[in-house]
Amino acid sequence: MGTGSVNINCIAKHVTMTVGPLVFELVIVFCVSVLLLHHYGRITKQHPSVTIATLVAWYFSLIIVFILPLDVSSVSWLVRN
């Protein structure tokens, strides 16, 4: 293999290693977003579209915070192998 080429087996192993933690973190972040919305928002007194928009905004904001370390570590692992 030349410089810059990537081993297909390494990529397949990398994908199977990161799918589990990624799904786990997405579920945890969704649960945290719902709990924050329940704690700080008045769900019963707001219009449903406001509640959904707030949930989506907090979910995407928290995804960046929690997924970025996983992304950095998985890319550094892929570069080393």
N, C-alpha and C. Protein backbone atom coordinates (compact mmCIF):
# COMPACT_ATOMS: atom_id res chain seq x y z
N MET A 1 0.83 -1.17 0.00
CA MET A 1 0.00 0.00 0.00
C MET A 1 0.88 1.24 0.00
N GLY A 2 0.46 2.22 -0.74
CA GLY A 2 1.22 3.46 -0.83
C GLY A 2 0.85 4.42 0.29
N THR A 3 1.57 5.50 0.31
CA THR A 3 1.28 6.53 1.30
C THR A 3 -0.07 7.17 1.00
N GLY A 4 -0.88 7.31 2.00
CA GLY A 4 -2.19 7.93 1.83
C GLY A 4 -3.30 6.93 1.60
N SER A 5 -2.97 5.67 1.35
CA SER A 5 -4.02 4.69 1.17
C SER A 5 -4.48 4.18 2.53
N VAL A 6 -5.73 3.78 2.60
CA VAL A 6 -6.33 3.36 3.87
C VAL A 6 -6.75 1.90 3.74
N ASN A 7 -6.47 1.14 4.77
CA ASN A 7 -6.85 -0.27 4.81
C ASN A 7 -8.36 -0.38 5.03
N ILE A 8 -9.03 -1.14 4.16
CA ILE A 8 -10.48 -1.30 4.25
C ILE A 8 -10.87 -2.00 5.55
N ASN A 9 -10.10 -2.97 5.99
CA ASN A 9 -10.42 -3.67 7.24
C ASN A 9 -10.33 -2.73 8.44
N CYS A 10 -9.39 -1.80 8.39
CA CYS A 10 -9.25 -0.82 9.47
C CYS A 10 -10.48 0.07 9.53
N ILE A 11 -10.99 0.49 8.39
CA ILE A 11 -12.18 1.34 8.36
C ILE A 11 -13.40 0.58 8.85
N ALA A 12 -13.55 -0.68 8.44
CA ALA A 12 -14.69 -1.48 8.89
C ALA A 12 -14.66 -1.68 10.41
N LYS A 13 -13.46 -1.92 10.96
CA LYS A 13 -13.34 -2.07 12.40
C LYS A 13 -13.65 -0.75 13.10
N HIS A 14 -13.20 0.35 12.51
CA HIS A 14 -13.45 1.67 13.08
C HIS A 14 -14.95 1.98 13.11
N VAL A 15 -15.66 1.65 12.05
CA VAL A 15 -17.10 1.93 11.99
C VAL A 15 -17.84 1.12 13.04
N THR A 16 -17.50 -0.14 13.21
CA THR A 16 -18.19 -0.97 14.19
C THR A 16 -17.84 -0.54 15.61
N MET A 17 -16.66 0.04 15.82
CA MET A 17 -16.29 0.50 17.15
C MET A 17 -17.02 1.78 17.54
N THR A 18 -17.36 2.63 16.57
CA THR A 18 -17.92 3.93 16.92
C THR A 18 -19.44 3.99 16.84
N VAL A 19 -20.09 3.02 16.24
CA VAL A 19 -21.54 3.08 16.11
C VAL A 19 -22.21 2.91 17.48
N GLY A 20 -21.74 2.00 18.28
CA GLY A 20 -22.33 1.78 19.61
C GLY A 20 -22.25 3.01 20.51
N PRO A 21 -21.05 3.57 20.71
CA PRO A 21 -20.96 4.78 21.54
C PRO A 21 -21.73 5.97 20.96
N LEU A 22 -21.79 6.08 19.64
CA LEU A 22 -22.52 7.17 19.02
C LEU A 22 -24.01 7.08 19.32
N VAL A 23 -24.58 5.92 19.14
CA VAL A 23 -26.01 5.72 19.41
C VAL A 23 -26.29 5.94 20.90
N PHE A 24 -25.40 5.43 21.75
CA PHE A 24 -25.56 5.61 23.19
C PHE A 24 -25.56 7.09 23.55
N GLU A 25 -24.61 7.85 23.01
CA GLU A 25 -24.54 9.27 23.31
C GLU A 25 -25.74 10.04 22.76
N LEU A 26 -26.24 9.66 21.59
CA LEU A 26 -27.41 10.34 21.04
C LEU A 26 -28.63 10.13 21.92
N VAL A 27 -28.80 8.92 22.43
CA VAL A 27 -29.94 8.63 23.31
C VAL A 27 -29.80 9.39 24.63
N ILE A 28 -28.59 9.39 25.19
CA ILE A 28 -28.36 10.10 26.45
C ILE A 28 -28.59 11.59 26.28
N VAL A 29 -28.10 12.17 25.18
CA VAL A 29 -28.28 13.60 24.93
C VAL A 29 -29.76 13.93 24.77
N PHE A 30 -30.52 13.07 24.11
CA PHE A 30 -31.96 13.30 23.98
C PHE A 30 -32.64 13.28 25.35
N CYS A 31 -32.27 12.32 26.18
CA CYS A 31 -32.86 12.24 27.52
C CYS A 31 -32.51 13.47 28.36
N VAL A 32 -31.26 13.92 28.26
CA VAL A 32 -30.85 15.12 29.00
C VAL A 32 -31.63 16.33 28.50
N SER A 33 -31.83 16.43 27.19
CA SER A 33 -32.59 17.56 26.64
C SER A 33 -34.03 17.55 27.13
N VAL A 34 -34.64 16.38 27.16
CA VAL A 34 -36.02 16.28 27.66
C VAL A 34 -36.09 16.63 29.13
N LEU A 35 -35.12 16.17 29.91
CA LEU A 35 -35.12 16.49 31.34
C LEU A 35 -34.91 17.99 31.57
N LEU A 36 -34.02 18.61 30.81
CA LEU A 36 -33.82 20.06 30.93
C LEU A 36 -35.07 20.83 30.54
N LEU A 37 -35.71 20.39 29.48
CA LEU A 37 -36.95 21.05 29.05
C LEU A 37 -38.04 20.90 30.10
N HIS A 38 -38.12 19.72 30.69
CA HIS A 38 -39.12 19.50 31.74
C HIS A 38 -38.83 20.36 32.97
N HIS A 39 -37.54 20.50 33.30
CA HIS A 39 -37.17 21.25 34.49
C HIS A 39 -37.32 22.76 34.31
N TYR A 40 -36.87 23.28 33.18
CA TYR A 40 -36.84 24.73 32.98
C TYR A 40 -38.04 25.28 32.19
N GLY A 41 -38.74 24.42 31.48
CA GLY A 41 -39.85 24.90 30.66
C GLY A 41 -41.19 24.59 31.29
N ARG A 42 -42.16 25.37 30.93
CA ARG A 42 -43.53 25.10 31.36
C ARG A 42 -44.25 24.42 30.19
N ILE A 43 -44.07 23.13 30.11
CA ILE A 43 -44.53 22.37 28.95
C ILE A 43 -46.05 22.47 28.79
N THR A 44 -46.77 22.43 29.87
CA THR A 44 -48.23 22.44 29.77
C THR A 44 -48.78 23.82 29.42
N LYS A 45 -48.02 24.89 29.67
CA LYS A 45 -48.51 26.24 29.42
C LYS A 45 -48.03 26.82 28.09
N GLN A 46 -47.14 26.11 27.40
CA GLN A 46 -46.62 26.59 26.12
C GLN A 46 -47.30 25.89 24.96
N HIS A 47 -47.22 26.54 23.81
CA HIS A 47 -47.72 25.92 22.59
C HIS A 47 -46.79 24.75 22.23
N PRO A 48 -47.33 23.65 21.72
CA PRO A 48 -46.49 22.49 21.39
C PRO A 48 -45.35 22.80 20.42
N SER A 49 -45.58 23.73 19.49
CA SER A 49 -44.50 24.04 18.54
C SER A 49 -43.33 24.72 19.24
N VAL A 50 -43.60 25.51 20.27
CA VAL A 50 -42.53 26.15 21.04
C VAL A 50 -41.75 25.09 21.80
N THR A 51 -42.44 24.13 22.39
CA THR A 51 -41.78 23.06 23.13
C THR A 51 -40.91 22.23 22.21
N ILE A 52 -41.42 21.88 21.05
CA ILE A 52 -40.65 21.06 20.10
C ILE A 52 -39.44 21.83 19.57
N ALA A 53 -39.63 23.11 19.26
CA ALA A 53 -38.51 23.92 18.77
C ALA A 53 -37.43 24.05 19.83
N THR A 54 -37.81 24.23 21.07
CA THR A 54 -36.84 24.32 22.15
C THR A 54 -36.11 23.00 22.36
N LEU A 55 -36.85 21.90 22.30
CA LEU A 55 -36.23 20.59 22.43
C LEU A 55 -35.22 20.34 21.33
N VAL A 56 -35.57 20.66 20.11
CA VAL A 56 -34.65 20.46 18.98
C VAL A 56 -33.42 21.35 19.13
N ALA A 57 -33.61 22.60 19.55
CA ALA A 57 -32.47 23.51 19.71
C ALA A 57 -31.52 23.02 20.80
N TRP A 58 -32.05 22.61 21.94
CA TRP A 58 -31.19 22.11 23.01
C TRP A 58 -30.53 20.79 22.61
N TYR A 59 -31.26 19.93 21.89
CA TYR A 59 -30.71 18.65 21.47
C TYR A 59 -29.51 18.86 20.55
N PHE A 60 -29.66 19.70 19.54
CA PHE A 60 -28.55 19.93 18.62
C PHE A 60 -27.38 20.64 19.31
N SER A 61 -27.68 21.53 20.23
CA SER A 61 -26.60 22.21 20.95
C SER A 61 -25.82 21.23 21.82
N LEU A 62 -26.52 20.35 22.50
CA LEU A 62 -25.84 19.38 23.35
C LEU A 62 -25.14 18.29 22.56
N ILE A 63 -25.63 17.98 21.36
CA ILE A 63 -24.95 16.99 20.52
C ILE A 63 -23.54 17.46 20.20
N ILE A 64 -23.39 18.73 19.90
CA ILE A 64 -22.06 19.26 19.59
C ILE A 64 -21.12 19.07 20.77
N VAL A 65 -21.60 19.33 21.96
CA VAL A 65 -20.75 19.23 23.15
C VAL A 65 -20.36 17.79 23.43
N PHE A 66 -21.28 16.85 23.27
CA PHE A 66 -21.00 15.47 23.63
C PHE A 66 -20.39 14.64 22.51
N ILE A 67 -20.67 14.95 21.26
CA ILE A 67 -20.19 14.14 20.16
C ILE A 67 -18.79 14.55 19.69
N LEU A 68 -18.42 15.80 19.88
CA LEU A 68 -17.12 16.28 19.43
C LEU A 68 -15.96 15.48 20.02
N PRO A 69 -15.91 15.19 21.32
CA PRO A 69 -14.81 14.37 21.84
C PRO A 69 -14.78 12.96 21.24
N LEU A 70 -15.94 12.38 21.00
CA LEU A 70 -15.99 11.06 20.37
C LEU A 70 -15.44 11.12 18.96
N ASP A 71 -15.78 12.16 18.23
CA ASP A 71 -15.30 12.33 16.86
C ASP A 71 -13.78 12.51 16.83
N VAL A 72 -13.27 13.34 17.71
CA VAL A 72 -11.82 13.60 17.74
C VAL A 72 -11.06 12.33 18.11
N SER A 73 -11.54 11.59 19.09
CA SER A 73 -10.84 10.37 19.49
C SER A 73 -10.92 9.29 18.41
N SER A 74 -12.04 9.17 17.73
CA SER A 74 -12.16 8.15 16.69
C SER A 74 -11.30 8.49 15.47
N VAL A 75 -11.21 9.77 15.12
CA VAL A 75 -10.35 10.16 14.00
C VAL A 75 -8.89 9.97 14.36
N SER A 76 -8.50 10.31 15.58
CA SER A 76 -7.10 10.11 15.97
C SER A 76 -6.76 8.62 16.00
N TRP A 77 -7.71 7.77 16.39
CA TRP A 77 -7.48 6.32 16.37
C TRP A 77 -7.31 5.84 14.94
N LEU A 78 -8.13 6.36 14.03
CA LEU A 78 -8.06 5.96 12.63
C LEU A 78 -6.75 6.39 12.00
N VAL A 79 -6.24 7.56 12.36
CA VAL A 79 -4.99 8.04 11.81
C VAL A 79 -3.83 7.21 12.33
N ARG A 80 -3.86 6.81 13.58
CA ARG A 80 -2.77 6.01 14.15
C ARG A 80 -2.74 4.59 13.58
N ASN A 81 -3.87 4.06 13.21
CA ASN A 81 -3.91 2.68 12.69
C ASN A 81 -3.99 2.75 11.23
